[in-house]
Amino acid sequence: MKLPIFLWKVNIIEMARDFATNYLMESLKKRMDQNVAEQVSHALEMPVHWRMERLEARWFVEVYHKKENMDPLRLELAKLDYNMVQATYLEETNVKVKDIQDTVLNTEVV
């Protein structure tokens, strides 16, 4: 019995994922650059599309800082971007908290 083509493709993708995962896990046991090992173990913990984007950006900035051939200007721009977004989030949160407090204070207690 032949498998439908879409099941065949899914099976190949799963096999490729399993092969890559096993290869990376074996590579971690061997001598590997510390920064690369950190990135590999981080990647094996959880798929990137399940992670929170801004937390992942923060983690990557820290990893990039450790690289030998990192570009200081690029690192500085990444830090500025992260801090600007965090400031925007904080500002939006403060506005929402103030709105909620105003609503609670303006509600009559029955």
N, C-alpha and C. Protein backbone atom coordinates (compact mmCIF):
# COMPACT_ATOMS: atom_id res chain seq x y z
N MET A 1 0.85 -1.18 0.00
CA MET A 1 0.00 0.00 0.00
C MET A 1 0.89 1.25 0.00
N LYS A 2 0.62 2.14 -0.93
CA LYS A 2 1.41 3.38 -1.01
C LYS A 2 0.80 4.44 -0.10
N LEU A 3 1.69 5.21 0.53
CA LEU A 3 1.22 6.32 1.35
C LEU A 3 0.82 7.48 0.45
N PRO A 4 -0.21 8.23 0.85
CA PRO A 4 -0.52 9.46 0.11
C PRO A 4 0.69 10.40 0.16
N ILE A 5 0.83 11.21 -0.87
CA ILE A 5 2.02 12.05 -1.02
C ILE A 5 2.22 13.00 0.16
N PHE A 6 1.13 13.55 0.73
CA PHE A 6 1.30 14.48 1.84
C PHE A 6 1.82 13.77 3.09
N LEU A 7 1.42 12.52 3.31
CA LEU A 7 1.95 11.76 4.45
C LEU A 7 3.41 11.41 4.24
N TRP A 8 3.77 11.14 3.01
CA TRP A 8 5.15 10.84 2.67
C TRP A 8 6.04 12.04 2.96
N LYS A 9 5.55 13.25 2.58
CA LYS A 9 6.33 14.47 2.82
C LYS A 9 6.45 14.76 4.31
N VAL A 10 5.36 14.56 5.06
CA VAL A 10 5.40 14.78 6.50
C VAL A 10 6.40 13.83 7.14
N ASN A 11 6.41 12.59 6.70
CA ASN A 11 7.33 11.60 7.23
C ASN A 11 8.78 12.02 6.97
N ILE A 12 9.07 12.52 5.80
CA ILE A 12 10.43 12.98 5.48
C ILE A 12 10.82 14.15 6.37
N ILE A 13 9.90 15.08 6.59
CA ILE A 13 10.19 16.24 7.44
C ILE A 13 10.47 15.79 8.87
N GLU A 14 9.67 14.86 9.38
CA GLU A 14 9.90 14.35 10.73
C GLU A 14 11.24 13.62 10.83
N MET A 15 11.57 12.86 9.81
CA MET A 15 12.86 12.15 9.80
C MET A 15 14.02 13.15 9.77
N ALA A 16 13.88 14.21 8.99
CA ALA A 16 14.93 15.23 8.92
C ALA A 16 15.08 15.93 10.26
N ARG A 17 13.95 16.25 10.90
CA ARG A 17 14.00 16.89 12.22
C ARG A 17 14.69 15.99 13.24
N ASP A 18 14.30 14.72 13.25
CA ASP A 18 14.90 13.76 14.18
C ASP A 18 16.40 13.61 13.93
N PHE A 19 16.79 13.53 12.66
CA PHE A 19 18.21 13.42 12.32
C PHE A 19 18.98 14.64 12.81
N ALA A 20 18.45 15.83 12.52
CA ALA A 20 19.13 17.07 12.92
C ALA A 20 19.23 17.17 14.44
N THR A 21 18.15 16.82 15.13
CA THR A 21 18.16 16.87 16.60
C THR A 21 19.20 15.92 17.17
N ASN A 22 19.21 14.69 16.67
CA ASN A 22 20.20 13.71 17.16
C ASN A 22 21.62 14.15 16.85
N TYR A 23 21.85 14.69 15.66
CA TYR A 23 23.18 15.16 15.28
C TYR A 23 23.64 16.28 16.20
N LEU A 24 22.75 17.23 16.48
CA LEU A 24 23.11 18.36 17.34
C LEU A 24 23.36 17.90 18.78
N MET A 25 22.56 16.96 19.26
CA MET A 25 22.77 16.45 20.62
C MET A 25 24.11 15.71 20.73
N GLU A 26 24.45 14.96 19.71
CA GLU A 26 25.75 14.28 19.70
C GLU A 26 26.89 15.30 19.61
N SER A 27 26.68 16.35 18.84
CA SER A 27 27.71 17.39 18.70
C SER A 27 27.97 18.10 20.02
N LEU A 28 26.92 18.24 20.84
CA LEU A 28 27.09 18.88 22.14
C LEU A 28 28.01 18.08 23.05
N LYS A 29 28.03 16.77 22.88
CA LYS A 29 28.87 15.91 23.72
C LYS A 29 30.34 16.03 23.35
N LYS A 30 30.60 16.41 22.10
CA LYS A 30 31.98 16.56 21.63
C LYS A 30 32.48 17.96 21.98
N ARG A 31 33.74 18.18 21.69
CA ARG A 31 34.30 19.51 21.92
C ARG A 31 33.69 20.48 20.94
N MET A 32 33.11 21.53 21.47
CA MET A 32 32.44 22.53 20.64
C MET A 32 32.69 23.89 21.27
N ASP A 33 32.79 24.90 20.44
CA ASP A 33 32.94 26.26 20.93
C ASP A 33 31.82 26.55 21.93
N GLN A 34 32.15 27.19 23.04
CA GLN A 34 31.19 27.44 24.11
C GLN A 34 29.98 28.24 23.62
N ASN A 35 30.22 29.27 22.81
CA ASN A 35 29.12 30.09 22.31
C ASN A 35 28.21 29.28 21.39
N VAL A 36 28.79 28.46 20.53
CA VAL A 36 28.00 27.63 19.63
C VAL A 36 27.21 26.60 20.43
N ALA A 37 27.84 26.01 21.43
CA ALA A 37 27.17 25.03 22.28
C ALA A 37 25.97 25.65 22.99
N GLU A 38 26.14 26.89 23.45
CA GLU A 38 25.03 27.59 24.12
C GLU A 38 23.87 27.81 23.14
N GLN A 39 24.19 28.20 21.91
CA GLN A 39 23.14 28.42 20.92
C GLN A 39 22.45 27.12 20.54
N VAL A 40 23.21 26.04 20.41
CA VAL A 40 22.64 24.74 20.04
C VAL A 40 21.71 24.25 21.14
N SER A 41 22.16 24.31 22.39
CA SER A 41 21.30 23.83 23.48
C SER A 41 20.06 24.70 23.61
N HIS A 42 20.19 25.99 23.37
CA HIS A 42 19.04 26.89 23.40
C HIS A 42 18.05 26.52 22.30
N ALA A 43 18.56 26.22 21.12
CA ALA A 43 17.69 25.85 20.00
C ALA A 43 16.99 24.52 20.25
N LEU A 44 17.65 23.61 20.94
CA LEU A 44 17.05 22.30 21.20
C LEU A 44 16.00 22.34 22.31
N GLU A 45 16.05 23.36 23.15
CA GLU A 45 15.08 23.46 24.25
C GLU A 45 13.66 23.62 23.75
N MET A 46 13.48 24.52 22.79
CA MET A 46 12.14 24.85 22.32
C MET A 46 12.24 25.46 20.92
N PRO A 47 11.29 25.15 20.04
CA PRO A 47 11.32 25.76 18.70
C PRO A 47 11.22 27.28 18.79
N VAL A 48 11.87 27.95 17.89
CA VAL A 48 11.92 29.42 17.93
C VAL A 48 10.53 30.03 17.76
N HIS A 49 9.65 29.39 17.01
CA HIS A 49 8.32 29.96 16.80
C HIS A 49 7.42 29.82 18.03
N TRP A 50 7.86 29.11 19.05
CA TRP A 50 7.12 29.02 20.31
C TRP A 50 7.62 30.04 21.33
N ARG A 51 8.70 30.68 21.04
CA ARG A 51 9.31 31.61 22.00
C ARG A 51 8.70 33.00 21.88
N MET A 52 8.82 33.76 22.97
CA MET A 52 8.37 35.15 22.94
C MET A 52 9.44 35.97 22.21
N GLU A 53 9.01 36.69 21.21
CA GLU A 53 9.95 37.36 20.30
C GLU A 53 10.90 38.32 21.02
N ARG A 54 10.37 39.15 21.91
CA ARG A 54 11.23 40.14 22.57
C ARG A 54 12.20 39.49 23.55
N LEU A 55 11.77 38.42 24.23
CA LEU A 55 12.69 37.72 25.13
C LEU A 55 13.79 37.03 24.33
N GLU A 56 13.43 36.52 23.17
CA GLU A 56 14.42 35.89 22.30
C GLU A 56 15.42 36.94 21.80
N ALA A 57 14.93 38.13 21.49
CA ALA A 57 15.82 39.22 21.05
C ALA A 57 16.80 39.58 22.16
N ARG A 58 16.30 39.64 23.38
CA ARG A 58 17.16 39.95 24.53
C ARG A 58 18.24 38.88 24.69
N TRP A 59 17.83 37.61 24.59
CA TRP A 59 18.79 36.51 24.72
C TRP A 59 19.85 36.61 23.62
N PHE A 60 19.41 36.89 22.40
CA PHE A 60 20.35 36.93 21.28
C PHE A 60 21.33 38.09 21.42
N VAL A 61 20.89 39.22 21.95
CA VAL A 61 21.80 40.34 22.17
C VAL A 61 22.91 39.92 23.13
N GLU A 62 22.55 39.19 24.18
CA GLU A 62 23.55 38.72 25.14
C GLU A 62 24.53 37.73 24.49
N VAL A 63 24.01 36.86 23.65
CA VAL A 63 24.87 35.88 22.96
C VAL A 63 25.78 36.60 21.96
N TYR A 64 25.22 37.55 21.23
CA TYR A 64 26.01 38.28 20.23
C TYR A 64 27.15 39.05 20.91
N HIS A 65 26.90 39.55 22.10
CA HIS A 65 27.91 40.30 22.85
C HIS A 65 29.15 39.44 23.12
N LYS A 66 28.96 38.13 23.26
CA LYS A 66 30.06 37.21 23.57
C LYS A 66 30.88 36.82 22.34
N LYS A 67 30.35 37.07 21.14
CA LYS A 67 31.06 36.65 19.92
C LYS A 67 32.37 37.41 19.77
N GLU A 68 33.37 36.72 19.27
CA GLU A 68 34.68 37.35 19.08
C GLU A 68 34.65 38.40 17.98
N ASN A 69 33.93 38.13 16.91
CA ASN A 69 33.92 39.03 15.76
C ASN A 69 32.66 39.89 15.70
N MET A 70 32.09 40.21 16.88
CA MET A 70 30.87 41.01 16.88
C MET A 70 31.16 42.45 16.48
N ASP A 71 30.17 43.06 15.88
CA ASP A 71 30.26 44.45 15.44
C ASP A 71 29.70 45.33 16.56
N PRO A 72 30.52 46.16 17.21
CA PRO A 72 30.04 46.97 18.33
C PRO A 72 28.88 47.90 17.96
N LEU A 73 28.91 48.44 16.75
CA LEU A 73 27.83 49.32 16.33
C LEU A 73 26.52 48.55 16.20
N ARG A 74 26.58 47.39 15.61
CA ARG A 74 25.37 46.55 15.47
C ARG A 74 24.83 46.16 16.85
N LEU A 75 25.73 45.84 17.76
CA LEU A 75 25.32 45.48 19.12
C LEU A 75 24.64 46.66 19.81
N GLU A 76 25.22 47.83 19.66
CA GLU A 76 24.65 49.03 20.27
C GLU A 76 23.26 49.33 19.69
N LEU A 77 23.11 49.18 18.38
CA LEU A 77 21.80 49.40 17.76
C LEU A 77 20.77 48.38 18.24
N ALA A 78 21.18 47.14 18.41
CA ALA A 78 20.27 46.11 18.91
C ALA A 78 19.82 46.43 20.34
N LYS A 79 20.76 46.89 21.16
CA LYS A 79 20.41 47.27 22.53
C LYS A 79 19.46 48.46 22.55
N LEU A 80 19.73 49.44 21.70
CA LEU A 80 18.85 50.61 21.62
C LEU A 80 17.45 50.22 21.17
N ASP A 81 17.37 49.36 20.17
CA ASP A 81 16.07 48.89 19.69
C ASP A 81 15.31 48.19 20.81
N TYR A 82 15.99 47.29 21.50
CA TYR A 82 15.34 46.54 22.58
C TYR A 82 14.84 47.50 23.66
N ASN A 83 15.68 48.43 24.06
CA ASN A 83 15.30 49.37 25.12
C ASN A 83 14.17 50.30 24.69
N MET A 84 14.16 50.70 23.42
CA MET A 84 13.07 51.56 22.94
C MET A 84 11.74 50.81 22.95
N VAL A 85 11.75 49.58 22.53
CA VAL A 85 10.52 48.78 22.54
C VAL A 85 10.06 48.55 23.98
N GLN A 86 10.98 48.25 24.87
CA GLN A 86 10.61 48.05 26.27
C GLN A 86 10.03 49.33 26.87
N ALA A 87 10.58 50.48 26.52
CA ALA A 87 10.05 51.76 27.01
C ALA A 87 8.64 51.98 26.49
N THR A 88 8.39 51.62 25.24
CA THR A 88 7.05 51.74 24.67
C THR A 88 6.08 50.83 25.41
N TYR A 89 6.48 49.59 25.67
CA TYR A 89 5.62 48.67 26.42
C TYR A 89 5.31 49.22 27.81
N LEU A 90 6.32 49.76 28.48
CA LEU A 90 6.13 50.31 29.81
C LEU A 90 5.16 51.49 29.78
N GLU A 91 5.33 52.35 28.80
CA GLU A 91 4.44 53.50 28.65
C GLU A 91 3.00 53.04 28.42
N GLU A 92 2.80 52.07 27.55
CA GLU A 92 1.45 51.56 27.27
C GLU A 92 0.86 50.89 28.51
N THR A 93 1.67 50.18 29.26
CA THR A 93 1.19 49.53 30.48
C THR A 93 0.77 50.57 31.51
N ASN A 94 1.55 51.63 31.65
CA ASN A 94 1.20 52.69 32.59
C ASN A 94 -0.11 53.36 32.22
N VAL A 95 -0.35 53.58 30.93
CA VAL A 95 -1.61 54.18 30.47
C VAL A 95 -2.78 53.26 30.82
N LYS A 96 -2.62 51.97 30.56
CA LYS A 96 -3.70 51.01 30.86
C LYS A 96 -3.97 50.94 32.36
N VAL A 97 -2.93 50.93 33.17
CA VAL A 97 -3.11 50.89 34.62
C VAL A 97 -3.84 52.14 35.09
N LYS A 98 -3.47 53.29 34.57
CA LYS A 98 -4.14 54.54 34.95
C LYS A 98 -5.61 54.50 34.54
N ASP A 99 -5.91 53.99 33.34
CA ASP A 99 -7.29 53.87 32.89
C ASP A 99 -8.09 52.97 33.82
N ILE A 100 -7.51 51.87 34.22
CA ILE A 100 -8.20 50.93 35.11
C ILE A 100 -8.42 51.58 36.48
N GLN A 101 -7.41 52.27 36.98
CA GLN A 101 -7.56 52.94 38.27
C GLN A 101 -8.65 54.00 38.21
N ASP A 102 -8.68 54.78 37.13
CA ASP A 102 -9.71 55.80 36.96
C ASP A 102 -11.09 55.17 36.90
N THR A 103 -11.22 54.07 36.21
CA THR A 103 -12.50 53.38 36.09
C THR A 103 -12.96 52.86 37.45
N VAL A 104 -12.05 52.27 38.20
CA VAL A 104 -12.39 51.74 39.52
C VAL A 104 -12.77 52.86 40.46
N LEU A 105 -12.05 53.97 40.44
CA LEU A 105 -12.34 55.09 41.33
C LEU A 105 -13.65 55.78 40.97
N ASN A 106 -14.01 55.78 39.70
CA ASN A 106 -15.23 56.45 39.25
C ASN A 106 -16.47 55.56 39.38
N THR A 107 -16.28 54.31 39.68
CA THR A 107 -17.41 53.40 39.83
C THR A 107 -18.00 53.59 41.22
N GLU A 108 -19.31 53.75 41.25
CA GLU A 108 -19.98 53.93 42.54
C GLU A 108 -20.06 52.59 43.26
N VAL A 109 -19.80 52.62 44.54
CA VAL A 109 -19.92 51.42 45.35
C VAL A 109 -21.36 51.32 45.81
N VAL A 110 -22.02 50.22 45.47
CA VAL A 110 -23.44 50.07 45.82
C VAL A 110 -23.58 49.25 47.06
